[in-house]
PDB file of N, CA and C in Angstrom:
ATOM      1  N   UNK A   1      33.582  37.043-102.675  1.00  0.00           N
ATOM      2  CA  UNK A   1      34.148  36.502-103.885  1.00  0.00           C
ATOM      3  C   UNK A   1      33.178  36.769-105.035  1.00  0.00           C
ATOM      4  N   UNK A   2      33.680  37.338-106.096  1.00  0.00           N
ATOM      5  CA  UNK A   2      32.861  37.559-107.285  1.00  0.00           C
ATOM      6  C   UNK A   2      33.438  36.693-108.382  1.00  0.00           C
ATOM      7  N   UNK A   3      32.643  35.766-108.903  1.00  0.00           N
ATOM      8  CA  UNK A   3      33.118  34.825-109.907  1.00  0.00           C
ATOM      9  C   UNK A   3      33.158  35.483-111.263  1.00  0.00           C
ATOM     10  N   UNK A   4      34.312  35.492-111.879  1.00  0.00           N
ATOM     11  CA  UNK A   4      34.477  36.101-113.187  1.00  0.00           C
ATOM     12  C   UNK A   4      34.704  34.983-114.218  1.00  0.00           C
ATOM     13  N   UNK A   5      33.674  34.642-114.931  1.00  0.00           N
ATOM     14  CA  UNK A   5      33.715  33.581-115.933  1.00  0.00           C
ATOM     15  C   UNK A   5      32.976  34.072-117.161  1.00  0.00           C
ATOM     16  N   UNK A   6      33.472  33.697-118.328  1.00  0.00           N
ATOM     17  CA  UNK A   6      32.773  34.016-119.570  1.00  0.00           C
ATOM     18  C   UNK A   6      31.665  32.971-119.772  1.00  0.00           C
ATOM     19  N   UNK A   7      30.425  33.432-119.688  1.00  0.00           N
ATOM     20  CA  UNK A   7      29.291  32.524-119.813  1.00  0.00           C
ATOM     21  C   UNK A   7      28.745  32.477-121.234  1.00  0.00           C
ATOM     22  N   UNK A   8      29.402  33.098-122.185  1.00  0.00           N
ATOM     23  CA  UNK A   8      28.930  33.068-123.567  1.00  0.00           C
ATOM     24  C   UNK A   8      28.929  31.625-124.050  1.00  0.00           C
ATOM     25  N   UNK A   9      27.786  31.200-124.558  1.00  0.00           N
ATOM     26  CA  UNK A   9      27.657  29.830-125.067  1.00  0.00           C
ATOM     27  C   UNK A   9      27.268  28.808-124.000  1.00  0.00           C
ATOM     28  N   UNK A  10      27.252  29.222-122.725  1.00  0.00           N
ATOM     29  CA  UNK A  10      26.869  28.297-121.674  1.00  0.00           C
ATOM     30  C   UNK A  10      25.353  28.411-121.425  1.00  0.00           C
ATOM     31  N   UNK A  11      24.763  27.318-121.038  1.00  0.00           N
ATOM     32  CA  UNK A  11      23.339  27.316-120.696  1.00  0.00           C
ATOM     33  C   UNK A  11      23.162  28.061-119.378  1.00  0.00           C
ATOM     34  N   UNK A  12      22.268  29.033-119.395  1.00  0.00           N
ATOM     35  CA  UNK A  12      21.986  29.801-118.187  1.00  0.00           C
ATOM     36  C   UNK A  12      20.742  29.258-117.500  1.00  0.00           C
ATOM     37  N   UNK A  13      20.589  29.504-116.203  1.00  0.00           N
ATOM     38  CA  UNK A  13      19.405  28.994-115.512  1.00  0.00           C
ATOM     39  C   UNK A  13      18.177  29.817-115.865  1.00  0.00           C
ATOM     40  N   UNK A  14      17.036  29.225-115.659  1.00  0.00           N
ATOM     41  CA  UNK A  14      15.780  29.982-115.824  1.00  0.00           C
ATOM     42  C   UNK A  14      15.501  30.685-114.505  1.00  0.00           C
ATOM     43  N   UNK A  15      14.580  31.624-114.524  1.00  0.00           N
ATOM     44  CA  UNK A  15      14.163  32.318-113.304  1.00  0.00           C
ATOM     45  C   UNK A  15      13.604  31.298-112.324  1.00  0.00           C
ATOM     46  N   UNK A  16      12.819  30.342-112.815  1.00  0.00           N
ATOM     47  CA  UNK A  16      12.240  29.329-111.946  1.00  0.00           C
ATOM     48  C   UNK A  16      13.321  28.468-111.268  1.00  0.00           C
ATOM     49  N   UNK A  17      14.378  28.156-112.006  1.00  0.00           N
ATOM     50  CA  UNK A  17      15.461  27.374-111.426  1.00  0.00           C
ATOM     51  C   UNK A  17      16.181  28.173-110.323  1.00  0.00           C
ATOM     52  N   UNK A  18      16.382  29.465-110.546  1.00  0.00           N
ATOM     53  CA  UNK A  18      17.022  30.303-109.537  1.00  0.00           C
ATOM     54  C   UNK A  18      16.094  30.409-108.321  1.00  0.00           C
ATOM     55  N   UNK A  19      14.805  30.524-108.523  1.00  0.00           N
ATOM     56  CA  UNK A  19      13.867  30.538-107.402  1.00  0.00           C
ATOM     57  C   UNK A  19      13.970  29.251-106.590  1.00  0.00           C
ATOM     58  N   UNK A  20      14.099  28.118-107.277  1.00  0.00           N
ATOM     59  CA  UNK A  20      14.277  26.848-106.578  1.00  0.00           C
ATOM     60  C   UNK A  20      15.554  26.849-105.765  1.00  0.00           C
ATOM     61  N   UNK A  21      16.631  27.399-106.319  1.00  0.00           N
ATOM     62  CA  UNK A  21      17.886  27.484-105.579  1.00  0.00           C
ATOM     63  C   UNK A  21      17.711  28.349-104.343  1.00  0.00           C
ATOM     64  N   UNK A  22      17.007  29.464-104.482  1.00  0.00           N
ATOM     65  CA  UNK A  22      16.737  30.347-103.340  1.00  0.00           C
ATOM     66  C   UNK A  22      15.998  29.567-102.247  1.00  0.00           C
ATOM     67  N   UNK A  23      14.987  28.840-102.653  1.00  0.00           N
ATOM     68  CA  UNK A  23      14.130  28.118-101.684  1.00  0.00           C
ATOM     69  C   UNK A  23      14.812  26.898-101.070  1.00  0.00           C
ATOM     70  N   UNK A  24      15.699  26.246-101.827  1.00  0.00           N
ATOM     71  CA  UNK A  24      16.240  24.965-101.376  1.00  0.00           C
ATOM     72  C   UNK A  24      17.731  25.002-101.021  1.00  0.00           C
ATOM     73  N   UNK A  25      18.371  26.187-101.147  1.00  0.00           N
ATOM     74  CA  UNK A  25      19.802  26.254-100.861  1.00  0.00           C
ATOM     75  C   UNK A  25      20.039  25.913 -99.383  1.00  0.00           C
ATOM     76  N   UNK A  26      21.017  25.115 -99.147  1.00  0.00           N
ATOM     77  CA  UNK A  26      21.284  24.674 -97.772  1.00  0.00           C
ATOM     78  C   UNK A  26      20.822  23.242 -97.576  1.00  0.00           C
ATOM     79  N   UNK A  27      19.856  22.813 -98.377  1.00  0.00           N
ATOM     80  CA  UNK A  27      19.398  21.417 -98.311  1.00  0.00           C
ATOM     81  C   UNK A  27      19.915  20.606 -99.476  1.00  0.00           C
ATOM     82  N   UNK A  28      20.454  21.300-100.500  1.00  0.00           N
ATOM     83  CA  UNK A  28      21.052  20.635-101.658  1.00  0.00           C
ATOM     84  C   UNK A  28      22.378  21.307-101.963  1.00  0.00           C
ATOM     85  N   UNK A  29      23.297  20.568-102.532  1.00  0.00           N
ATOM     86  CA  UNK A  29      24.623  21.098-102.867  1.00  0.00           C
ATOM     87  C   UNK A  29      24.581  21.777-104.246  1.00  0.00           C
ATOM     88  N   UNK A  30      25.603  22.530-104.530  1.00  0.00           N
ATOM     89  CA  UNK A  30      25.770  23.145-105.840  1.00  0.00           C
ATOM     90  C   UNK A  30      25.804  22.064-106.909  1.00  0.00           C
ATOM     91  N   UNK A  31      26.499  20.969-106.600  1.00  0.00           N
ATOM     92  CA  UNK A  31      26.595  19.871-107.563  1.00  0.00           C
ATOM     93  C   UNK A  31      25.206  19.277-107.830  1.00  0.00           C
ATOM     94  N   UNK A  32      24.390  19.154-106.785  1.00  0.00           N
ATOM     95  CA  UNK A  32      23.031  18.628-106.965  1.00  0.00           C
ATOM     96  C   UNK A  32      22.213  19.525-107.887  1.00  0.00           C
ATOM     97  N   UNK A  33      22.257  20.835-107.643  1.00  0.00           N
ATOM     98  CA  UNK A  33      21.511  21.765-108.494  1.00  0.00           C
ATOM     99  C   UNK A  33      22.011  21.690-109.948  1.00  0.00           C
ATOM    100  N   UNK A  34      23.323  21.638-110.140  1.00  0.00           N
ATOM    101  CA  UNK A  34      23.876  21.567-111.487  1.00  0.00           C
ATOM    102  C   UNK A  34      23.372  20.342-112.215  1.00  0.00           C
ATOM    103  N   UNK A  35      23.411  19.193-111.546  1.00  0.00           N
ATOM    104  CA  UNK A  35      22.940  17.960-112.190  1.00  0.00           C
ATOM    105  C   UNK A  35      21.438  18.005-112.438  1.00  0.00           C
ATOM    106  N   UNK A  36      20.690  18.456-111.456  1.00  0.00           N
ATOM    107  CA  UNK A  36      19.233  18.531-111.548  1.00  0.00           C
ATOM    108  C   UNK A  36      18.758  19.399-112.703  1.00  0.00           C
ATOM    109  N   UNK A  37      19.432  20.557-112.896  1.00  0.00           N
ATOM    110  CA  UNK A  37      19.007  21.517-113.911  1.00  0.00           C
ATOM    111  C   UNK A  37      19.769  21.417-115.219  1.00  0.00           C
ATOM    112  N   UNK A  38      20.725  20.493-115.299  1.00  0.00           N
ATOM    113  CA  UNK A  38      21.515  20.337-116.520  1.00  0.00           C
ATOM    114  C   UNK A  38      22.413  21.539-116.797  1.00  0.00           C
ATOM    115  N   UNK A  39      22.930  22.127-115.714  1.00  0.00           N
ATOM    116  CA  UNK A  39      23.835  23.318-115.840  1.00  0.00           C
ATOM    117  C   UNK A  39      25.226  22.922-115.434  1.00  0.00           C
ATOM    118  N   UNK A  40      26.197  23.690-115.938  1.00  0.00           N
ATOM    119  CA  UNK A  40      27.550  23.470-115.488  1.00  0.00           C
ATOM    120  C   UNK A  40      27.674  23.971-114.056  1.00  0.00           C
ATOM    121  N   UNK A  41      28.530  23.318-113.285  1.00  0.00           N
ATOM    122  CA  UNK A  41      28.692  23.671-111.880  1.00  0.00           C
ATOM    123  C   UNK A  41      29.131  25.116-111.723  1.00  0.00           C
ATOM    124  N   UNK A  42      29.970  25.617-112.623  1.00  0.00           N
ATOM    125  CA  UNK A  42      30.445  26.998-112.536  1.00  0.00           C
ATOM    126  C   UNK A  42      29.305  27.989-112.697  1.00  0.00           C
ATOM    127  N   UNK A  43      28.287  27.621-113.454  1.00  0.00           N
ATOM    128  CA  UNK A  43      27.110  28.485-113.640  1.00  0.00           C
ATOM    129  C   UNK A  43      26.322  28.552-112.323  1.00  0.00           C
ATOM    130  N   UNK A  44      26.106  27.405-111.677  1.00  0.00           N
ATOM    131  CA  UNK A  44      25.389  27.400-110.407  1.00  0.00           C
ATOM    132  C   UNK A  44      26.197  28.154-109.339  1.00  0.00           C
ATOM    133  N   UNK A  45      27.511  28.000-109.364  1.00  0.00           N
ATOM    134  CA  UNK A  45      28.359  28.735-108.413  1.00  0.00           C
ATOM    135  C   UNK A  45      28.206  30.239-108.609  1.00  0.00           C
ATOM    136  N   UNK A  46      28.122  30.675-109.849  1.00  0.00           N
ATOM    137  CA  UNK A  46      27.939  32.099-110.149  1.00  0.00           C
ATOM    138  C   UNK A  46      26.567  32.563-109.674  1.00  0.00           C
ATOM    139  N   UNK A  47      25.532  31.743-109.810  1.00  0.00           N
ATOM    140  CA  UNK A  47      24.212  32.081-109.320  1.00  0.00           C
ATOM    141  C   UNK A  47      24.243  32.278-107.813  1.00  0.00           C
ATOM    142  N   UNK A  48      24.847  31.357-107.105  1.00  0.00           N
ATOM    143  CA  UNK A  48      24.959  31.440-105.641  1.00  0.00           C
ATOM    144  C   UNK A  48      25.735  32.665-105.241  1.00  0.00           C
ATOM    145  N   UNK A  49      26.814  32.976-105.971  1.00  0.00           N
ATOM    146  CA  UNK A  49      27.606  34.172-105.693  1.00  0.00           C
ATOM    147  C   UNK A  49      26.735  35.433-105.828  1.00  0.00           C
ATOM    148  N   UNK A  50      25.948  35.502-106.892  1.00  0.00           N
ATOM    149  CA  UNK A  50      25.040  36.626-107.090  1.00  0.00           C
ATOM    150  C   UNK A  50      23.994  36.722-105.984  1.00  0.00           C
ATOM    151  N   UNK A  51      23.449  35.576-105.607  1.00  0.00           N
ATOM    152  CA  UNK A  51      22.439  35.537-104.548  1.00  0.00           C
ATOM    153  C   UNK A  51      22.995  36.063-103.223  1.00  0.00           C
ATOM    154  N   UNK A  52      24.243  35.735-102.955  1.00  0.00           N
ATOM    155  CA  UNK A  52      24.869  36.182-101.690  1.00  0.00           C
ATOM    156  C   UNK A  52      25.044  37.698-101.629  1.00  0.00           C
ATOM    157  N   UNK A  53      25.087  38.321-102.790  1.00  0.00           N
ATOM    158  CA  UNK A  53      25.253  39.792-102.843  1.00  0.00           C
ATOM    159  C   UNK A  53      23.936  40.532-102.748  1.00  0.00           C
ATOM    160  N   UNK A  54      22.790  39.820-102.839  1.00  0.00           N
ATOM    161  CA  UNK A  54      21.486  40.471-102.705  1.00  0.00           C
ATOM    162  C   UNK A  54      21.193  40.720-101.232  1.00  0.00           C
ATOM    163  N   UNK A  55      20.335  41.683-100.978  1.00  0.00           N
ATOM    164  CA  UNK A  55      19.897  41.920 -99.602  1.00  0.00           C
ATOM    165  C   UNK A  55      18.397  41.816 -99.541  1.00  0.00           C
ATOM    166  N   UNK A  56      17.910  41.378 -98.401  1.00  0.00           N
ATOM    167  CA  UNK A  56      16.471  41.158 -98.199  1.00  0.00           C
ATOM    168  C   UNK A  56      15.827  42.456 -97.751  1.00  0.00           C
ATOM    169  N   UNK A  57      14.686  42.783 -98.341  1.00  0.00           N
ATOM    170  CA  UNK A  57      13.951  43.976 -97.950  1.00  0.00           C
ATOM    171  C   UNK A  57      13.101  43.705 -96.719  1.00  0.00           C
ATOM    172  N   UNK A  58      12.904  44.707 -95.876  1.00  0.00           N
ATOM    173  CA  UNK A  58      12.072  44.520 -94.692  1.00  0.00           C
ATOM    174  C   UNK A  58      10.619  44.237 -95.059  1.00  0.00           C
ATOM    175  N   UNK A  59       9.892  43.630 -94.123  1.00  0.00           N
ATOM    176  CA  UNK A  59       8.467  43.372 -94.319  1.00  0.00           C
ATOM    177  C   UNK A  59       7.760  44.676 -94.705  1.00  0.00           C
ATOM    178  N   UNK A  60       6.793  44.573 -95.605  1.00  0.00           N
ATOM    179  CA  UNK A  60       6.010  45.733 -95.984  1.00  0.00           C
ATOM    180  C   UNK A  60       6.579  46.522 -97.143  1.00  0.00           C
ATOM    181  N   UNK A  61       7.841  46.322 -97.460  1.00  0.00           N
ATOM    182  CA  UNK A  61       8.455  47.007 -98.597  1.00  0.00           C
ATOM    183  C   UNK A  61       8.233  46.148 -99.841  1.00  0.00           C
ATOM    184  N   UNK A  62       7.694  46.752-100.885  1.00  0.00           N
ATOM    185  CA  UNK A  62       7.418  46.010-102.085  1.00  0.00           C
ATOM    186  C   UNK A  62       8.514  46.230-103.112  1.00  0.00           C
ATOM    187  N   UNK A  63       8.642  45.251-103.959  1.00  0.00           N
ATOM    188  CA  UNK A  63       9.634  45.308-105.054  1.00  0.00           C
ATOM    189  C   UNK A  63       8.888  45.383-106.366  1.00  0.00           C
ATOM    190  N   UNK A  64       9.213  46.368-107.206  1.00  0.00           N
ATOM    191  CA  UNK A  64       8.524  46.452-108.510  1.00  0.00           C
ATOM    192  C   UNK A  64       8.859  45.234-109.377  1.00  0.00           C
ATOM    193  N   UNK A  65       7.931  44.844-110.205  1.00  0.00           N
ATOM    194  CA  UNK A  65       8.156  43.725-111.121  1.00  0.00           C
ATOM    195  C   UNK A  65       9.297  44.039-112.059  1.00  0.00           C
ATOM    196  N   UNK A  66      10.079  43.035-112.345  1.00  0.00           N
ATOM    197  CA  UNK A  66      11.235  43.184-113.238  1.00  0.00           C
ATOM    198  C   UNK A  66      11.042  42.255-114.430  1.00  0.00           C
ATOM    199  N   UNK A  67      11.226  42.756-115.614  1.00  0.00           N
ATOM    200  CA  UNK A  67      11.103  41.907-116.806  1.00  0.00           C
ATOM    201  C   UNK A  67      12.361  41.041-116.925  1.00  0.00           C
ATOM    202  N   UNK A  68      12.158  39.778-117.225  1.00  0.00           N
ATOM    203  CA  UNK A  68      13.283  38.868-117.382  1.00  0.00           C
ATOM    204  C   UNK A  68      13.299  38.325-118.808  1.00  0.00           C
ATOM    205  N   UNK A  69      14.468  38.187-119.332  1.00  0.00           N
ATOM    206  CA  UNK A  69      14.625  37.686-120.691  1.00  0.00           C
ATOM    207  C   UNK A  69      15.395  36.383-120.652  1.00  0.00           C
ATOM    208  N   UNK A  70      14.973  35.477-121.448  1.00  0.00           N
ATOM    209  CA  UNK A  70      15.537  34.130-121.421  1.00  0.00           C
ATOM    210  C   UNK A  70      17.037  34.095-121.724  1.00  0.00           C
ATOM    211  N   UNK A  71      17.503  34.975-122.590  1.00  0.00           N
ATOM    212  CA  UNK A  71      18.921  34.962-122.969  1.00  0.00           C
ATOM    213  C   UNK A  71      19.703  36.062-122.281  1.00  0.00           C
ATOM    214  N   UNK A  72      19.234  36.482-121.120  1.00  0.00           N
ATOM    215  CA  UNK A  72      19.842  37.580-120.391  1.00  0.00           C
ATOM    216  C   UNK A  72      21.076  37.101-119.621  1.00  0.00           C
ATOM    217  N   UNK A  73      21.630  37.938-118.754  1.00  0.00           N
ATOM    218  CA  UNK A  73      22.801  37.608-117.968  1.00  0.00           C
ATOM    219  C   UNK A  73      22.406  36.893-116.681  1.00  0.00           C
ATOM    220  N   UNK A  74      23.343  36.199-116.089  1.00  0.00           N
ATOM    221  CA  UNK A  74      23.103  35.539-114.813  1.00  0.00           C
ATOM    222  C   UNK A  74      22.669  36.570-113.774  1.00  0.00           C
ATOM    223  N   UNK A  75      23.328  37.710-113.736  1.00  0.00           N
ATOM    224  CA  UNK A  75      23.014  38.738-112.744  1.00  0.00           C
ATOM    225  C   UNK A  75      21.554  39.194-112.853  1.00  0.00           C
ATOM    226  N   UNK A  76      21.090  39.437-114.064  1.00  0.00           N
ATOM    227  CA  UNK A  76      19.708  39.920-114.198  1.00  0.00           C
ATOM    228  C   UNK A  76      18.695  38.824-113.934  1.00  0.00           C
ATOM    229  N   UNK A  77      19.009  37.586-114.265  1.00  0.00           N
ATOM    230  CA  UNK A  77      18.127  36.459-113.957  1.00  0.00           C
ATOM    231  C   UNK A  77      18.019  36.322-112.458  1.00  0.00           C
ATOM    232  N   UNK A  78      19.128  36.427-111.748  1.00  0.00           N
ATOM    233  CA  UNK A  78      19.128  36.306-110.278  1.00  0.00           C
ATOM    234  C   UNK A  78      18.364  37.484-109.655  1.00  0.00           C
ATOM    235  N   UNK A  79      18.561  38.685-110.178  1.00  0.00           N
ATOM    236  CA  UNK A  79      17.818  39.846-109.652  1.00  0.00           C
ATOM    237  C   UNK A  79      16.311  39.651-109.842  1.00  0.00           C
ATOM    238  N   UNK A  80      15.919  39.134-111.000  1.00  0.00           N
ATOM    239  CA  UNK A  80      14.515  38.897-111.281  1.00  0.00           C
ATOM    240  C   UNK A  80      13.936  37.871-110.318  1.00  0.00           C
ATOM    241  N   UNK A  81      14.599  36.740-110.176  1.00  0.00           N
ATOM    242  CA  UNK A  81      14.126  35.697-109.259  1.00  0.00           C
ATOM    243  C   UNK A  81      14.131  36.222-107.821  1.00  0.00           C
ATOM    244  N   UNK A  82      15.176  36.938-107.466  1.00  0.00           N
ATOM    245  CA  UNK A  82      15.271  37.476-106.117  1.00  0.00           C
ATOM    246  C   UNK A  82      14.175  38.470-105.796  1.00  0.00           C
ATOM    247  N   UNK A  83      13.780  39.256-106.791  1.00  0.00           N
ATOM    248  CA  UNK A  83      12.753  40.262-106.559  1.00  0.00           C
ATOM    249  C   UNK A  83      11.413  39.610-106.155  1.00  0.00           C
ATOM    250  N   UNK A  84      11.182  38.406-106.664  1.00  0.00           N
ATOM    251  CA  UNK A  84       9.945  37.682-106.322  1.00  0.00           C
ATOM    252  C   UNK A  84       9.985  37.214-104.864  1.00  0.00           C
ATOM    253  N   UNK A  85      11.166  37.212-104.271  1.00  0.00           N
ATOM    254  CA  UNK A  85      11.332  36.780-102.880  1.00  0.00           C
ATOM    255  C   UNK A  85      11.785  37.934-102.001  1.00  0.00           C
ATOM    256  N   UNK A  86      11.568  39.181-102.514  1.00  0.00           N
ATOM    257  CA  UNK A  86      11.881  40.426-101.803  1.00  0.00           C
ATOM    258  C   UNK A  86      13.368  40.650-101.534  1.00  0.00           C
ATOM    259  N   UNK A  87      14.188  40.233-102.506  1.00  0.00           N
ATOM    260  CA  UNK A  87      15.629  40.513-102.466  1.00  0.00           C
ATOM    261  C   UNK A  87      15.952  41.542-103.547  1.00  0.00           C
ATOM    262  N   UNK A  88      16.836  42.445-103.241  1.00  0.00           N
ATOM    263  CA  UNK A  88      17.316  43.438-104.216  1.00  0.00           C
ATOM    264  C   UNK A  88      18.814  43.477-104.226  1.00  0.00           C
TER     265      UNK A  88
END
């Protein structure tokens, strides 16, 4: 499922918030993350959807650093956070 929502004007997560979702997903609900980070639930759902489409790199394979911009898209924020955890 790919969530198609217009996020213009909506608060997007930070890279650090997405990293927290990566680390804690399964122990907290989407609703919990939305409330904790002050995000709309649909935004967190889109983050999780993007995370599910990433794949983990094998041990020993490095990921080049990716520049992240505060006002960027959900997809690029998720890719940036994922790269720090060896997801592409």
